């Protein structure tokens, strides 16, 4: 539901938002588009968000792309003790907070 508002806000700032509704289309779109940042809505469910983040982390095109979790505090990698996400933004999305994020590419 927030995607149209977020898209307008990002468009006004020279960014493009691609929306996917599931892990497979999100992964495929991220690999094809080579984004600067990937926003993952945790409303997908913890296991689903974790699956997407894992897949993005292991693909050569997306492994260094910063991931931002949207929703409750970020999903923790099973057994790794570290988050799969660089940042998380709580809902409802505060575009000022989102705009203030300074994300750097992860080391390979």
N, C-alpha and C. Protein backbone atom coordinates (compact mmCIF):
# COMPACT_ATOMS: atom_id res chain seq x y z
N UNK A 1 0.82 -1.20 0.00
CA UNK A 1 0.00 0.00 0.00
C UNK A 1 0.86 1.26 0.00
N UNK A 2 2.03 1.19 0.58
CA UNK A 2 2.90 2.36 0.64
C UNK A 2 3.71 2.55 -0.62
N UNK A 3 3.73 1.57 -1.50
CA UNK A 3 4.57 1.62 -2.70
C UNK A 3 4.30 2.84 -3.58
N UNK A 4 3.03 3.19 -3.88
CA UNK A 4 2.81 4.37 -4.74
C UNK A 4 3.35 5.66 -4.12
N UNK A 5 3.14 5.84 -2.82
CA UNK A 5 3.65 7.04 -2.14
C UNK A 5 5.17 7.04 -2.14
N UNK A 6 5.75 5.89 -1.85
CA UNK A 6 7.21 5.78 -1.82
C UNK A 6 7.79 6.01 -3.22
N UNK A 7 7.13 5.46 -4.23
CA UNK A 7 7.59 5.65 -5.61
C UNK A 7 7.60 7.14 -5.97
N UNK A 8 6.52 7.87 -5.66
CA UNK A 8 6.48 9.31 -5.96
C UNK A 8 7.60 10.05 -5.25
N UNK A 9 7.80 9.74 -3.98
CA UNK A 9 8.83 10.41 -3.19
C UNK A 9 10.22 10.13 -3.78
N UNK A 10 10.48 8.90 -4.15
CA UNK A 10 11.78 8.54 -4.73
C UNK A 10 11.95 9.14 -6.12
N UNK A 11 10.90 9.11 -6.93
CA UNK A 11 10.95 9.70 -8.27
C UNK A 11 11.34 11.18 -8.21
N UNK A 12 10.77 11.90 -7.24
CA UNK A 12 11.06 13.32 -7.09
C UNK A 12 12.53 13.57 -6.73
N UNK A 13 13.19 12.55 -6.25
CA UNK A 13 14.60 12.67 -5.86
C UNK A 13 15.53 11.97 -6.84
N UNK A 14 15.00 11.60 -8.00
CA UNK A 14 15.83 11.02 -9.04
C UNK A 14 16.12 9.54 -8.89
N UNK A 15 15.32 8.84 -8.08
CA UNK A 15 15.51 7.41 -7.88
C UNK A 15 14.35 6.65 -8.54
N UNK A 16 14.56 5.39 -8.75
CA UNK A 16 13.52 4.53 -9.33
C UNK A 16 13.21 3.41 -8.34
N UNK A 17 11.92 3.14 -8.16
CA UNK A 17 11.48 2.06 -7.29
C UNK A 17 10.89 0.95 -8.14
N UNK A 18 11.41 -0.25 -8.00
CA UNK A 18 10.85 -1.43 -8.64
C UNK A 18 10.20 -2.24 -7.53
N UNK A 19 8.96 -2.65 -7.73
CA UNK A 19 8.21 -3.38 -6.71
C UNK A 19 8.02 -4.82 -7.14
N UNK A 20 8.22 -5.73 -6.19
CA UNK A 20 7.98 -7.17 -6.43
C UNK A 20 7.13 -7.68 -5.27
N UNK A 21 6.32 -8.68 -5.56
CA UNK A 21 5.40 -9.19 -4.55
C UNK A 21 5.82 -10.48 -3.87
N UNK A 22 6.92 -11.06 -4.31
CA UNK A 22 7.35 -12.32 -3.72
C UNK A 22 8.87 -12.47 -3.87
N UNK A 23 9.41 -13.48 -3.23
CA UNK A 23 10.86 -13.70 -3.22
C UNK A 23 11.40 -13.87 -4.63
N UNK A 24 10.78 -14.73 -5.42
CA UNK A 24 11.32 -15.03 -6.75
C UNK A 24 11.35 -13.80 -7.64
N UNK A 25 10.24 -13.06 -7.70
CA UNK A 25 10.24 -11.87 -8.56
C UNK A 25 11.13 -10.77 -7.99
N UNK A 26 11.23 -10.66 -6.67
CA UNK A 26 12.12 -9.68 -6.06
C UNK A 26 13.58 -9.98 -6.37
N UNK A 27 13.94 -11.25 -6.26
CA UNK A 27 15.31 -11.66 -6.55
C UNK A 27 15.63 -11.43 -8.03
N UNK A 28 14.75 -11.87 -8.91
CA UNK A 28 14.96 -11.72 -10.35
C UNK A 28 15.09 -10.25 -10.74
N UNK A 29 14.21 -9.43 -10.19
CA UNK A 29 14.24 -8.00 -10.51
C UNK A 29 15.52 -7.34 -9.98
N UNK A 30 15.94 -7.70 -8.77
CA UNK A 30 17.16 -7.12 -8.21
C UNK A 30 18.38 -7.48 -9.04
N UNK A 31 18.47 -8.71 -9.48
CA UNK A 31 19.61 -9.13 -10.30
C UNK A 31 19.59 -8.40 -11.64
N UNK A 32 18.40 -8.28 -12.24
CA UNK A 32 18.29 -7.64 -13.55
C UNK A 32 18.54 -6.13 -13.48
N UNK A 33 18.05 -5.48 -12.42
CA UNK A 33 18.12 -4.01 -12.32
C UNK A 33 19.41 -3.50 -11.71
N UNK A 34 20.14 -4.36 -11.00
CA UNK A 34 21.38 -3.95 -10.34
C UNK A 34 21.17 -2.68 -9.49
N UNK A 35 20.34 -2.76 -8.48
CA UNK A 35 19.99 -1.57 -7.69
C UNK A 35 21.13 -1.09 -6.79
N UNK A 36 21.01 0.16 -6.37
CA UNK A 36 21.96 0.71 -5.39
C UNK A 36 21.62 0.22 -3.99
N UNK A 37 20.34 0.00 -3.75
CA UNK A 37 19.83 -0.44 -2.45
C UNK A 37 18.59 -1.30 -2.69
N UNK A 38 18.38 -2.30 -1.82
CA UNK A 38 17.17 -3.11 -1.89
C UNK A 38 16.40 -2.92 -0.60
N UNK A 39 15.12 -2.54 -0.73
CA UNK A 39 14.22 -2.44 0.42
C UNK A 39 13.43 -3.73 0.48
N UNK A 40 13.40 -4.36 1.65
CA UNK A 40 12.67 -5.61 1.83
C UNK A 40 11.61 -5.42 2.91
N UNK A 41 10.36 -5.60 2.52
CA UNK A 41 9.26 -5.45 3.46
C UNK A 41 9.15 -6.73 4.30
N UNK A 42 9.33 -6.59 5.60
CA UNK A 42 9.28 -7.75 6.48
C UNK A 42 7.87 -8.31 6.63
N UNK A 43 6.88 -7.61 6.06
CA UNK A 43 5.52 -8.15 6.06
C UNK A 43 5.44 -9.40 5.19
N UNK A 44 6.47 -9.65 4.39
CA UNK A 44 6.55 -10.90 3.63
C UNK A 44 6.59 -12.09 4.58
N UNK A 45 7.03 -11.84 5.80
CA UNK A 45 7.22 -12.89 6.79
C UNK A 45 8.71 -13.06 7.03
N UNK A 46 9.09 -13.36 8.26
CA UNK A 46 10.50 -13.45 8.62
C UNK A 46 11.25 -14.47 7.76
N UNK A 47 10.68 -15.63 7.56
CA UNK A 47 11.36 -16.67 6.77
C UNK A 47 11.50 -16.24 5.32
N UNK A 48 10.47 -15.62 4.78
CA UNK A 48 10.50 -15.18 3.38
C UNK A 48 11.51 -14.05 3.20
N UNK A 49 11.51 -13.07 4.09
CA UNK A 49 12.46 -11.96 4.01
C UNK A 49 13.89 -12.48 4.16
N UNK A 50 14.07 -13.42 5.06
CA UNK A 50 15.38 -14.02 5.27
C UNK A 50 15.83 -14.79 4.02
N UNK A 51 14.93 -15.51 3.39
CA UNK A 51 15.24 -16.25 2.17
C UNK A 51 15.69 -15.30 1.07
N UNK A 52 14.95 -14.21 0.89
CA UNK A 52 15.31 -13.23 -0.13
C UNK A 52 16.68 -12.62 0.18
N UNK A 53 16.89 -12.21 1.41
CA UNK A 53 18.17 -11.62 1.79
C UNK A 53 19.32 -12.60 1.57
N UNK A 54 19.12 -13.85 1.96
CA UNK A 54 20.14 -14.88 1.74
C UNK A 54 20.48 -15.02 0.26
N UNK A 55 19.47 -15.09 -0.58
CA UNK A 55 19.70 -15.24 -2.02
C UNK A 55 20.43 -14.04 -2.58
N UNK A 56 20.04 -12.84 -2.15
CA UNK A 56 20.71 -11.64 -2.63
C UNK A 56 22.17 -11.60 -2.17
N UNK A 57 22.42 -12.06 -0.95
CA UNK A 57 23.78 -12.07 -0.40
C UNK A 57 24.71 -13.06 -1.10
N UNK A 58 24.15 -14.09 -1.73
CA UNK A 58 24.99 -15.12 -2.34
C UNK A 58 25.14 -14.95 -3.86
N UNK A 59 24.42 -14.01 -4.46
CA UNK A 59 24.53 -13.82 -5.91
C UNK A 59 25.61 -12.78 -6.20
N UNK A 60 26.42 -13.03 -7.21
CA UNK A 60 27.54 -12.14 -7.51
C UNK A 60 27.10 -10.71 -7.83
N UNK A 61 25.95 -10.53 -8.43
CA UNK A 61 25.48 -9.19 -8.80
C UNK A 61 24.99 -8.40 -7.58
N UNK A 62 24.39 -9.08 -6.62
CA UNK A 62 23.73 -8.37 -5.51
C UNK A 62 24.39 -8.56 -4.15
N UNK A 63 25.47 -9.31 -4.08
CA UNK A 63 26.04 -9.62 -2.76
C UNK A 63 26.53 -8.41 -1.99
N UNK A 64 26.89 -7.33 -2.69
CA UNK A 64 27.38 -6.14 -1.98
C UNK A 64 26.35 -5.02 -1.88
N UNK A 65 25.15 -5.26 -2.41
CA UNK A 65 24.10 -4.24 -2.39
C UNK A 65 23.54 -4.12 -0.97
N UNK A 66 23.48 -2.90 -0.42
CA UNK A 66 22.90 -2.72 0.91
C UNK A 66 21.42 -3.13 0.93
N UNK A 67 21.03 -3.84 1.97
CA UNK A 67 19.64 -4.26 2.16
C UNK A 67 19.06 -3.49 3.34
N UNK A 68 17.86 -2.96 3.13
CA UNK A 68 17.16 -2.22 4.19
C UNK A 68 15.85 -2.95 4.47
N UNK A 69 15.65 -3.35 5.70
CA UNK A 69 14.41 -4.00 6.11
C UNK A 69 13.39 -2.92 6.45
N UNK A 70 12.16 -3.11 5.94
CA UNK A 70 11.07 -2.20 6.24
C UNK A 70 10.10 -2.96 7.14
N UNK A 71 9.90 -2.49 8.36
CA UNK A 71 8.99 -3.16 9.29
C UNK A 71 9.64 -3.32 10.65
N UNK A 72 9.35 -4.41 11.30
CA UNK A 72 9.88 -4.68 12.63
C UNK A 72 11.40 -4.88 12.56
N UNK A 73 12.09 -4.88 13.71
CA UNK A 73 13.54 -5.02 13.70
C UNK A 73 14.00 -6.18 12.81
N UNK A 74 15.12 -5.94 12.18
CA UNK A 74 15.63 -6.80 11.11
C UNK A 74 15.76 -8.28 11.50
N UNK A 75 15.51 -9.10 10.53
CA UNK A 75 15.63 -10.55 10.66
C UNK A 75 17.10 -10.90 10.91
N UNK A 76 17.33 -11.82 11.82
CA UNK A 76 18.70 -12.23 12.11
C UNK A 76 19.01 -13.52 11.36
N UNK A 77 20.19 -13.59 10.78
CA UNK A 77 20.59 -14.79 10.03
C UNK A 77 20.64 -15.98 10.97
N UNK A 78 20.06 -17.08 10.55
CA UNK A 78 20.01 -18.29 11.37
C UNK A 78 21.42 -18.76 11.71
N UNK A 79 21.72 -18.82 12.99
CA UNK A 79 23.00 -19.34 13.44
C UNK A 79 24.18 -18.39 13.28
N UNK A 80 24.00 -17.32 12.52
CA UNK A 80 25.14 -16.43 12.27
C UNK A 80 25.26 -15.35 13.33
N UNK A 81 24.14 -15.04 14.00
CA UNK A 81 24.18 -14.03 15.04
C UNK A 81 24.34 -12.61 14.52
N UNK A 82 24.17 -12.40 13.21
CA UNK A 82 24.25 -11.05 12.68
C UNK A 82 23.06 -10.81 11.76
N UNK A 83 22.72 -9.57 11.62
CA UNK A 83 21.57 -9.23 10.79
C UNK A 83 21.91 -9.37 9.32
N UNK A 84 20.92 -9.68 8.53
CA UNK A 84 21.07 -9.76 7.08
C UNK A 84 20.94 -8.39 6.44
N UNK A 85 20.55 -7.39 7.23
CA UNK A 85 20.26 -6.06 6.71
C UNK A 85 21.19 -5.03 7.31
N UNK A 86 21.55 -4.03 6.51
CA UNK A 86 22.40 -2.94 7.01
C UNK A 86 21.62 -2.01 7.93
N UNK A 87 20.37 -1.80 7.59
CA UNK A 87 19.51 -0.90 8.38
C UNK A 87 18.10 -1.44 8.38
N UNK A 88 17.29 -0.88 9.26
CA UNK A 88 15.86 -1.15 9.17
C UNK A 88 15.10 0.15 9.47
N UNK A 89 13.97 0.26 8.81
CA UNK A 89 13.10 1.42 8.95
C UNK A 89 11.74 0.89 9.39
N UNK A 90 11.22 1.44 10.47
CA UNK A 90 9.92 0.98 10.97
C UNK A 90 8.77 1.55 10.16
N UNK A 91 7.67 0.81 10.15
CA UNK A 91 6.44 1.29 9.53
C UNK A 91 5.64 2.06 10.56
N UNK A 92 4.87 3.05 10.19
CA UNK A 92 4.77 3.59 8.85
C UNK A 92 6.09 4.26 8.46
N UNK A 93 6.41 4.16 7.18
CA UNK A 93 7.70 4.66 6.69
C UNK A 93 7.76 6.17 6.84
N UNK A 94 8.80 6.60 7.49
CA UNK A 94 9.11 8.03 7.61
C UNK A 94 10.09 8.32 6.48
N UNK A 95 9.62 9.01 5.44
CA UNK A 95 10.49 9.24 4.28
C UNK A 95 11.70 10.08 4.64
N UNK A 96 11.58 10.91 5.66
CA UNK A 96 12.74 11.67 6.12
C UNK A 96 13.82 10.75 6.67
N UNK A 97 13.40 9.74 7.43
CA UNK A 97 14.34 8.76 7.96
C UNK A 97 14.96 7.95 6.82
N UNK A 98 14.13 7.55 5.88
CA UNK A 98 14.62 6.78 4.74
C UNK A 98 15.62 7.61 3.94
N UNK A 99 15.29 8.87 3.72
CA UNK A 99 16.18 9.75 2.96
C UNK A 99 17.48 10.04 3.67
N UNK A 100 17.48 9.95 5.00
CA UNK A 100 18.69 10.24 5.77
C UNK A 100 19.66 9.05 5.83
N UNK A 101 19.21 7.88 5.38
CA UNK A 101 20.09 6.71 5.42
C UNK A 101 21.30 6.93 4.52
N UNK A 102 22.44 6.66 5.05
CA UNK A 102 23.66 6.71 4.26
C UNK A 102 24.18 5.29 4.20
N UNK A 103 23.99 4.65 3.07
CA UNK A 103 24.35 3.24 2.94
C UNK A 103 25.59 3.12 2.07
N UNK A 104 26.48 2.29 2.52
CA UNK A 104 27.66 2.01 1.73
C UNK A 104 27.60 0.57 1.27
N UNK A 105 28.17 0.32 0.12
CA UNK A 105 28.22 -1.03 -0.42
C UNK A 105 28.97 -1.93 0.54
N UNK A 106 28.46 -3.14 0.73
CA UNK A 106 29.11 -4.12 1.60
C UNK A 106 30.38 -4.62 0.95
N UNK A 107 31.34 -4.96 1.75
CA UNK A 107 32.56 -5.58 1.23
C UNK A 107 32.21 -6.97 0.70
N UNK A 108 32.79 -7.35 -0.44
CA UNK A 108 32.48 -8.69 -0.99
C UNK A 108 32.95 -9.82 -0.11
